[in-house]
């Protein structure tokens, strides 16, 4: 990518939000923008930013390989080509490596062999390789520079006017795949409620609905109300930031999540409701579950849903934890966090080796499947005008 001026456009997340132009004059500015394109802070990853003509579209993050054998590098490069090929109309890519390795320890640009392999495969596949950049522990640089490749100070990225113009990013999911510490006294309260709530939800499972206000039973209606409270800014009823709540209310809210996660039909509908809200009514639930849809899940709803489900699992009896762990795994996968999803599934399988949803999710998440919405074009995507 040349050092000429480019213009990016980030639109708001609300419908009809106006586009905000962002000037990208240097590669350091572009690197400041990349985490916002991905939607999260980026570490130990390779990011592909896909271009359609002079405008950028998707940014896709993949973990750096565990080793550096030629086979591993080729495998990741082939996966990158396959991802870019799924983006309709894409004709160019920028390659950015984020690593905690440094120029000094590596005696040059870290992961140079990987960047060269990915660029070569992209070129052979017909993609224009716009840029090859690296953000390392001790500076940033250019793989494709004919002269000086760096390092240049990381402060150039942090101090970029682009960085100052962007809203702060939410940190990665708290605790990753680890369960939070259980709350003293909650486990007993949850255990005393779950059996009755499961029975009520099972009776209602003959005619579940995918929107609140339509539940065929009081338990189902309470479930939707609890989930919507969890997905609001205050978090789980009875939890921190929810005035008027108490341990009893929190135990019942968590017990409802545990019960729903162990009634398959409600579990699946609720998982999709958390991710898509009313959009569930207009799509085949099986397609949404398999990631075969181009509507996007709500990132804030998924994140808060994951937090609530992990808290529910942490305070549930071990035999009942696999259900909420699987729901959290699917929501993580929907956000592009396949590594977190895999760790949650491994824990669910340890707790219940016969759990059906665990095995089903493992077949496509473990195989590296990426949901179609990762490749959808939306009005609120970030656009970056590429220098001609």
Protein backbone atom coordinates (compact mmCIF):
# COMPACT_ATOMS: atom_id res chain seq x y z
CA UNK A 1 0.00 0.00 0.00
CA UNK A 2 1.53 3.27 -1.02
CA UNK A 3 1.86 6.22 1.27
CA UNK A 4 -0.68 8.28 -0.68
CA UNK A 5 -3.83 9.51 1.00
CA UNK A 6 -6.82 7.20 1.20
CA UNK A 7 -10.27 7.72 2.66
CA UNK A 8 -12.11 5.31 4.91
CA UNK A 9 -15.74 5.41 5.85
CA UNK A 10 -17.15 3.94 9.01
CA UNK A 11 -20.90 4.03 9.35
CA UNK A 12 -22.84 3.81 12.57
CA UNK A 13 -24.42 0.61 13.78
CA UNK A 14 -27.91 2.06 14.04
CA UNK A 15 -30.14 1.90 10.94
CA UNK A 16 -29.78 5.01 8.86
CA UNK A 17 -26.67 6.17 10.68
CA UNK A 18 -24.59 8.58 8.67
CA UNK A 19 -21.23 7.57 7.29
CA UNK A 20 -18.17 9.11 8.94
CA UNK A 21 -15.18 9.65 6.60
CA UNK A 22 -11.76 8.66 7.93
CA UNK A 23 -8.57 9.82 6.23
CA UNK A 24 -5.89 7.14 6.00
CA UNK A 25 -2.71 8.88 4.85
CA UNK A 26 -0.05 6.37 5.98
CA UNK A 27 0.37 2.70 6.64
CA UNK A 28 0.49 3.50 10.35
CA UNK A 29 -3.00 5.00 10.00
CA UNK A 30 -4.20 1.85 8.26
CA UNK A 31 -2.77 -0.31 11.04
CA UNK A 32 -4.59 1.85 13.59
CA UNK A 33 -7.82 1.13 11.71
CA UNK A 34 -7.42 -2.66 11.37
CA UNK A 35 -8.64 -3.63 14.88
CA UNK A 36 -11.77 -1.58 14.28
CA UNK A 37 -12.31 -3.42 11.00
CA UNK A 38 -12.01 -6.72 12.86
CA UNK A 39 -14.18 -5.49 15.71
CA UNK A 40 -11.83 -6.41 18.55
CA UNK A 41 -8.26 -5.92 19.74
CA UNK A 42 -5.95 -8.17 17.71
CA UNK A 43 -3.08 -10.28 19.05
CA UNK A 44 -1.11 -13.22 17.62
CA UNK A 45 -3.18 -13.24 14.44
CA UNK A 46 -3.10 -12.81 10.69
CA UNK A 47 -5.72 -10.38 9.41
CA UNK A 48 -6.94 -10.24 5.82
CA UNK A 49 -8.58 -7.00 4.74
CA UNK A 50 -10.49 -7.66 1.53
CA UNK A 51 -10.89 -5.05 -1.21
CA UNK A 52 -13.47 -4.68 -3.95
CA UNK A 53 -11.99 -2.31 -6.46
CA UNK A 54 -10.92 0.75 -4.46
CA UNK A 55 -13.02 0.01 -1.38
CA UNK A 56 -12.40 -2.32 1.53
CA UNK A 57 -14.97 -4.74 2.82
CA UNK A 58 -14.50 -7.56 5.29
CA UNK A 59 -11.60 -8.01 7.67
CA UNK A 60 -11.01 -11.62 8.72
CA UNK A 61 -8.79 -12.76 11.56
CA UNK A 62 -7.14 -16.17 11.85
CA UNK A 63 -4.84 -17.44 14.60
CA UNK A 64 -1.16 -17.70 13.80
CA UNK A 65 -0.12 -21.36 13.45
CA UNK A 66 1.39 -23.16 16.43
CA UNK A 67 4.50 -24.05 14.42
CA UNK A 68 6.33 -22.74 11.37
CA UNK A 69 6.71 -25.82 9.23
CA UNK A 70 6.15 -25.36 5.50
CA UNK A 71 3.10 -27.58 5.74
CA UNK A 72 1.52 -25.38 8.44
CA UNK A 73 2.27 -22.19 6.54
CA UNK A 74 0.83 -23.59 3.32
CA UNK A 75 -2.27 -24.79 5.15
CA UNK A 76 -2.94 -21.37 6.62
CA UNK A 77 -2.24 -19.67 3.27
CA UNK A 78 -4.73 -21.96 1.54
CA UNK A 79 -7.31 -21.22 4.23
CA UNK A 80 -6.79 -17.48 3.65
CA UNK A 81 -7.36 -17.88 -0.08
CA UNK A 82 -10.55 -19.84 0.60
CA UNK A 83 -11.81 -17.12 2.95
CA UNK A 84 -11.11 -14.33 0.47
CA UNK A 85 -12.74 -16.31 -2.34
CA UNK A 86 -16.00 -16.41 -0.38
CA UNK A 87 -16.22 -12.61 -0.40
CA UNK A 88 -18.30 -11.71 -3.41
CA UNK A 89 -16.61 -9.28 -5.79
CA UNK A 90 -13.30 -9.28 -3.89
CA UNK A 91 -10.25 -8.64 -6.07
CA UNK A 92 -7.58 -7.51 -3.59
CA UNK A 93 -6.32 -8.12 -0.06
CA UNK A 94 -4.09 -6.51 2.53
CA UNK A 95 -2.16 -8.92 4.77
CA UNK A 96 -1.41 -7.85 8.34
CA UNK A 97 0.39 -10.01 10.91
CA UNK A 98 0.04 -9.20 14.61
CA UNK A 99 2.61 -10.97 16.77
CA UNK A 100 4.25 -10.77 20.18
CA UNK A 101 7.57 -11.73 18.55
CA UNK A 102 10.03 -8.91 17.89
CA UNK A 103 12.36 -7.69 15.15
CA UNK A 104 15.40 -8.01 17.39
CA UNK A 105 14.77 -11.61 18.47
CA UNK A 106 13.83 -12.65 14.92
CA UNK A 107 16.67 -10.66 13.32
CA UNK A 108 14.20 -9.06 10.98
CA UNK A 109 10.48 -9.09 10.31
CA UNK A 110 8.71 -11.83 12.32
CA UNK A 111 6.68 -14.37 10.33
CA UNK A 112 8.21 -13.28 7.04
CA UNK A 113 7.86 -16.80 5.60
CA UNK A 114 4.14 -16.85 6.43
CA UNK A 115 3.47 -13.45 4.82
CA UNK A 116 5.42 -14.49 1.71
CA UNK A 117 3.47 -17.76 1.45
CA UNK A 118 0.08 -16.07 1.87
CA UNK A 119 0.97 -13.34 -0.63
CA UNK A 120 2.17 -15.88 -3.20
CA UNK A 121 -0.98 -17.98 -2.87
CA UNK A 122 -3.19 -14.90 -3.10
CA UNK A 123 -1.37 -13.74 -6.22
CA UNK A 124 -1.77 -17.15 -7.87
CA UNK A 125 -5.47 -17.10 -7.01
CA UNK A 126 -5.86 -13.80 -8.88
CA UNK A 127 -5.99 -11.38 -5.94
CA UNK A 128 -4.08 -8.11 -5.98
CA UNK A 129 -1.94 -8.05 -2.82
CA UNK A 130 -2.35 -4.41 -1.78
CA UNK A 131 -0.11 -4.45 1.28
CA UNK A 132 1.88 -6.76 3.58
CA UNK A 133 2.37 -5.32 7.06
CA UNK A 134 3.50 -6.55 10.47
CA UNK A 135 2.76 -5.26 13.97
CA UNK A 136 5.38 -6.83 16.26
CA UNK A 137 6.29 -6.45 19.92
CA UNK A 138 8.96 -3.83 19.24
CA UNK A 139 7.73 -2.00 16.17
CA UNK A 140 5.87 -2.29 12.89
CA UNK A 141 7.17 -2.91 9.38
CA UNK A 142 6.47 -3.80 5.77
CA UNK A 143 7.15 -7.22 4.31
CA UNK A 144 6.87 -5.90 0.76
CA UNK A 145 9.17 -2.88 1.08
CA UNK A 146 12.04 -2.73 -1.42
CA UNK A 147 14.21 -0.77 0.98
CA UNK A 148 13.83 -0.24 4.70
CA UNK A 149 11.34 -2.71 6.18
CA UNK A 150 11.39 -1.28 9.69
CA UNK A 151 10.92 -1.45 12.53
CA UNK A 152 9.15 1.86 13.05
CA UNK A 153 7.81 2.89 16.47
CA UNK A 154 4.49 1.45 17.60
CA UNK A 155 3.71 4.95 18.85
CA UNK A 156 3.11 5.93 15.20
CA UNK A 157 0.07 3.61 15.28
CA UNK A 158 -1.13 4.56 18.75
CA UNK A 159 -0.73 8.30 18.04
CA UNK A 160 -2.36 8.15 14.60
CA UNK A 161 -5.24 10.62 14.12
CA UNK A 162 -7.23 7.63 12.87
CA UNK A 163 -6.85 5.91 16.25
CA UNK A 164 -8.13 9.04 17.98
CA UNK A 165 -11.18 9.21 15.70
CA UNK A 166 -12.37 5.66 16.38
CA UNK A 167 -14.61 4.57 19.29
CA UNK A 168 -12.90 2.34 21.88
CA UNK A 169 -13.06 -1.38 21.22
CA UNK A 170 -14.52 -3.80 23.71
CA UNK A 171 -11.88 -6.14 25.14
CA UNK A 172 -11.95 -9.85 24.28
CA UNK A 173 -14.56 -11.93 26.06
CA UNK A 174 -13.78 -11.83 29.77
CA UNK A 175 -11.88 -14.89 30.85
CA UNK A 176 -11.86 -16.44 27.37
CA UNK A 177 -13.00 -20.05 27.79
CA UNK A 178 -12.60 -20.07 31.56
CA UNK A 179 -15.68 -20.08 33.78
CA UNK A 180 -16.01 -17.22 36.26
CA UNK A 181 -15.78 -17.98 39.94
CA UNK A 182 -19.10 -19.32 41.31
CA UNK A 183 -21.09 -17.12 43.68
CA UNK A 184 -21.34 -18.56 47.20
CA UNK A 185 -24.83 -19.88 47.88
CA UNK A 186 -26.06 -19.67 44.30
CA UNK A 187 -25.43 -23.31 43.36
CA UNK A 188 -27.79 -24.64 46.01
CA UNK A 189 -30.47 -22.12 45.07
CA UNK A 190 -30.16 -22.94 41.37
CA UNK A 191 -30.27 -26.68 42.00
CA UNK A 192 -33.54 -26.31 43.88
CA UNK A 193 -35.17 -24.42 41.01
CA UNK A 194 -33.89 -26.09 37.84
CA UNK A 195 -35.95 -29.29 37.93
CA UNK A 196 -39.28 -27.44 38.18
CA UNK A 197 -38.31 -24.88 35.54
CA UNK A 198 -37.18 -27.62 33.15
CA UNK A 199 -40.51 -29.40 33.58
CA UNK A 200 -42.40 -26.20 32.76
CA UNK A 201 -40.27 -25.49 29.69
CA UNK A 202 -40.60 -29.07 28.46
CA UNK A 203 -44.40 -28.76 28.66
CA UNK A 204 -44.15 -25.53 26.67
CA UNK A 205 -41.74 -27.01 24.11
CA UNK A 206 -44.55 -28.30 21.91
CA UNK A 207 -45.27 -24.75 20.66
CA UNK A 208 -42.27 -22.50 21.41
CA UNK A 209 -42.22 -19.06 19.86
CA UNK A 210 -39.27 -17.02 18.73
CA UNK A 211 -40.28 -13.66 20.17
CA UNK A 212 -41.16 -12.40 23.66
CA UNK A 213 -44.77 -11.77 24.50
CA UNK A 214 -45.87 -14.94 22.69
CA UNK A 215 -44.60 -17.62 25.04
CA UNK A 216 -47.13 -20.43 25.60
CA UNK A 217 -46.40 -20.65 29.34
CA UNK A 218 -45.50 -18.46 32.27
CA UNK A 219 -42.09 -20.11 32.48
CA UNK A 220 -41.39 -19.39 28.81
CA UNK A 221 -42.51 -15.77 29.18
CA UNK A 222 -40.30 -15.35 32.24
CA UNK A 223 -37.40 -16.88 30.31
CA UNK A 224 -37.63 -14.27 27.57
CA UNK A 225 -37.92 -11.45 30.09
CA UNK A 226 -34.87 -12.75 31.95
CA UNK A 227 -32.81 -13.02 28.78
CA UNK A 228 -33.75 -9.53 27.62
CA UNK A 229 -32.77 -8.15 31.03
CA UNK A 230 -29.46 -10.01 30.76
CA UNK A 231 -28.84 -8.53 27.32
CA UNK A 232 -29.55 -4.98 28.49
CA UNK A 233 -26.89 -2.61 29.74
CA UNK A 234 -27.41 -3.64 33.36
CA UNK A 235 -26.68 -7.32 32.90
CA UNK A 236 -28.26 -10.27 34.68
CA UNK A 237 -31.12 -9.53 37.12
CA UNK A 238 -29.76 -9.50 40.62
CA UNK A 239 -26.24 -9.01 39.34
CA UNK A 240 -23.95 -6.03 39.67
CA UNK A 241 -25.46 -2.91 38.20
CA UNK A 242 -29.06 -4.09 38.56
CA UNK A 243 -30.68 -2.04 41.35
CA UNK A 244 -33.28 -3.83 43.45
CA UNK A 245 -31.99 -7.30 42.63
CA UNK A 246 -30.93 -9.85 45.18
CA UNK A 247 -29.42 -13.31 45.49
CA UNK A 248 -32.82 -14.98 45.15
CA UNK A 249 -33.64 -13.12 41.93
CA UNK A 250 -30.19 -13.85 40.53
CA UNK A 251 -30.51 -17.57 41.36
CA UNK A 252 -33.84 -17.78 39.56
CA UNK A 253 -32.53 -15.94 36.51
CA UNK A 254 -29.51 -18.21 36.27
CA UNK A 255 -31.67 -21.27 36.91
CA UNK A 256 -33.89 -20.29 33.98
CA UNK A 257 -30.85 -20.16 31.70
CA UNK A 258 -29.60 -23.54 32.95
CA UNK A 259 -33.07 -25.08 32.51
CA UNK A 260 -33.51 -23.70 28.98
CA UNK A 261 -30.02 -24.86 28.02
CA UNK A 262 -31.04 -28.41 28.95
CA UNK A 263 -34.32 -28.45 26.99
CA UNK A 264 -33.10 -28.85 23.38
CA UNK A 265 -35.88 -27.00 21.55
CA UNK A 266 -35.80 -24.01 23.88
CA UNK A 267 -32.01 -24.08 23.93
CA UNK A 268 -31.76 -23.73 20.16
CA UNK A 269 -34.45 -21.04 19.85
CA UNK A 270 -32.98 -19.08 22.74
CA UNK A 271 -29.45 -19.27 21.35
CA UNK A 272 -30.61 -17.77 18.07
CA UNK A 273 -32.83 -15.25 19.81
CA UNK A 274 -29.82 -13.95 21.74
CA UNK A 275 -27.82 -13.57 18.52
CA UNK A 276 -30.45 -12.24 16.11
CA UNK A 277 -33.49 -11.06 18.07
CA UNK A 278 -36.49 -10.47 15.77
CA UNK A 279 -34.55 -11.56 12.69
CA UNK A 280 -35.12 -15.15 13.85
CA UNK A 281 -38.74 -14.91 12.75
CA UNK A 282 -37.81 -14.36 9.12
CA UNK A 283 -35.21 -17.09 8.58
CA UNK A 284 -34.97 -20.84 8.73
CA UNK A 285 -33.69 -21.70 12.20
CA UNK A 286 -31.61 -24.57 10.87
CA UNK A 287 -29.86 -22.28 8.39
CA UNK A 288 -29.11 -19.73 11.10
CA UNK A 289 -27.76 -22.43 13.40
CA UNK A 290 -25.44 -23.71 10.65
CA UNK A 291 -24.27 -20.21 9.78
CA UNK A 292 -25.95 -20.37 6.37
CA UNK A 293 -27.34 -16.84 6.38
CA UNK A 294 -25.94 -13.43 5.49
CA UNK A 295 -27.62 -11.42 8.25
CA UNK A 296 -25.23 -10.53 11.04
CA UNK A 297 -25.65 -11.40 14.73
CA UNK A 298 -25.66 -8.57 17.25
CA UNK A 299 -22.19 -8.35 18.79
CA UNK A 300 -23.33 -6.72 22.09
CA UNK A 301 -26.14 -9.26 22.53
CA UNK A 302 -23.80 -12.17 21.84
CA UNK A 303 -21.16 -10.87 24.23
CA UNK A 304 -23.64 -10.33 27.07
CA UNK A 305 -25.27 -13.67 26.32
CA UNK A 306 -21.90 -15.42 26.59
CA UNK A 307 -21.17 -13.70 29.91
CA UNK A 308 -24.57 -14.72 31.32
CA UNK A 309 -24.32 -18.31 30.10
CA UNK A 310 -20.83 -18.73 31.53
CA UNK A 311 -22.03 -17.39 34.86
CA UNK A 312 -24.98 -19.80 34.75
CA UNK A 313 -22.67 -22.72 33.97
CA UNK A 314 -20.27 -21.77 36.75
CA UNK A 315 -23.06 -21.90 39.33
CA UNK A 316 -24.86 -25.00 38.01
CA UNK A 317 -24.26 -28.60 39.05
CA UNK A 318 -21.66 -30.21 36.76
CA UNK A 319 -24.12 -32.54 34.96
CA UNK A 320 -26.09 -29.48 33.78
CA UNK A 321 -23.16 -27.34 32.60
CA UNK A 322 -22.73 -28.79 29.12
CA UNK A 323 -25.88 -27.06 27.79
CA UNK A 324 -24.96 -23.46 28.67
CA UNK A 325 -21.34 -24.12 27.67
CA UNK A 326 -22.48 -25.24 24.20
CA UNK A 327 -24.68 -22.18 23.81
CA UNK A 328 -21.74 -19.95 24.77
CA UNK A 329 -19.56 -21.88 22.30
CA UNK A 330 -21.98 -21.30 19.42
CA UNK A 331 -22.29 -17.58 20.23
CA UNK A 332 -18.48 -17.33 20.36
CA UNK A 333 -18.26 -19.00 16.95
CA UNK A 334 -20.90 -16.60 15.61
CA UNK A 335 -18.56 -13.74 16.61
CA UNK A 336 -15.59 -15.36 14.89
CA UNK A 337 -14.02 -16.69 18.10
CA UNK A 338 -13.50 -20.27 16.98
CA UNK A 339 -10.64 -20.87 19.40
CA UNK A 340 -12.80 -19.87 22.38
CA UNK A 341 -15.66 -21.96 21.00
CA UNK A 342 -13.41 -24.99 20.71
CA UNK A 343 -12.21 -24.66 24.30
CA UNK A 344 -15.78 -24.37 25.59
CA UNK A 345 -16.82 -27.45 23.60
CA UNK A 346 -13.89 -29.41 24.97
CA UNK A 347 -15.03 -28.59 28.51
CA UNK A 348 -18.63 -29.54 27.67
CA UNK A 349 -17.44 -32.86 26.23
CA UNK A 350 -15.42 -33.54 29.39
CA UNK A 351 -18.50 -32.98 31.55
CA UNK A 352 -20.87 -34.97 29.31
CA UNK A 353 -19.22 -37.14 26.62
CA UNK A 354 -22.65 -38.11 25.23
CA UNK A 355 -23.96 -34.56 24.86
CA UNK A 356 -25.47 -34.34 21.37
CA UNK A 357 -25.08 -30.62 20.76
CA UNK A 358 -21.42 -30.78 21.74
CA UNK A 359 -20.76 -33.43 19.11
CA UNK A 360 -22.79 -31.57 16.47
CA UNK A 361 -21.04 -28.25 17.03
CA UNK A 362 -17.66 -29.93 17.03
CA UNK A 363 -18.29 -31.35 13.54
CA UNK A 364 -18.42 -27.93 11.88
CA UNK A 365 -16.62 -25.62 14.30
CA UNK A 366 -13.79 -28.11 14.71
CA UNK A 367 -13.57 -28.46 10.94
CA UNK A 368 -12.95 -24.72 10.54
CA UNK A 369 -16.37 -23.75 9.16
CA UNK A 370 -16.94 -19.99 9.02
CA UNK A 371 -20.52 -18.60 9.08
CA UNK A 372 -21.75 -16.95 5.91
CA UNK A 373 -22.44 -13.68 7.69
CA UNK A 374 -18.71 -13.20 8.06
CA UNK A 375 -18.72 -12.49 4.31
CA UNK A 376 -21.88 -10.39 4.09
CA UNK A 377 -21.75 -6.82 2.83
CA UNK A 378 -23.55 -4.41 5.12
CA UNK A 379 -24.18 -0.68 5.08
CA UNK A 380 -22.33 -0.35 8.35
CA UNK A 381 -19.12 -2.05 7.14
CA UNK A 382 -15.98 -0.01 7.21
CA UNK A 383 -15.00 1.17 3.73
CA UNK A 384 -11.46 2.09 2.80
CA UNK A 385 -10.66 3.74 -0.51
CA UNK A 386 -7.51 2.16 -1.89
CA UNK A 387 -4.92 4.24 -3.69
CA UNK A 388 -5.06 3.59 -7.43
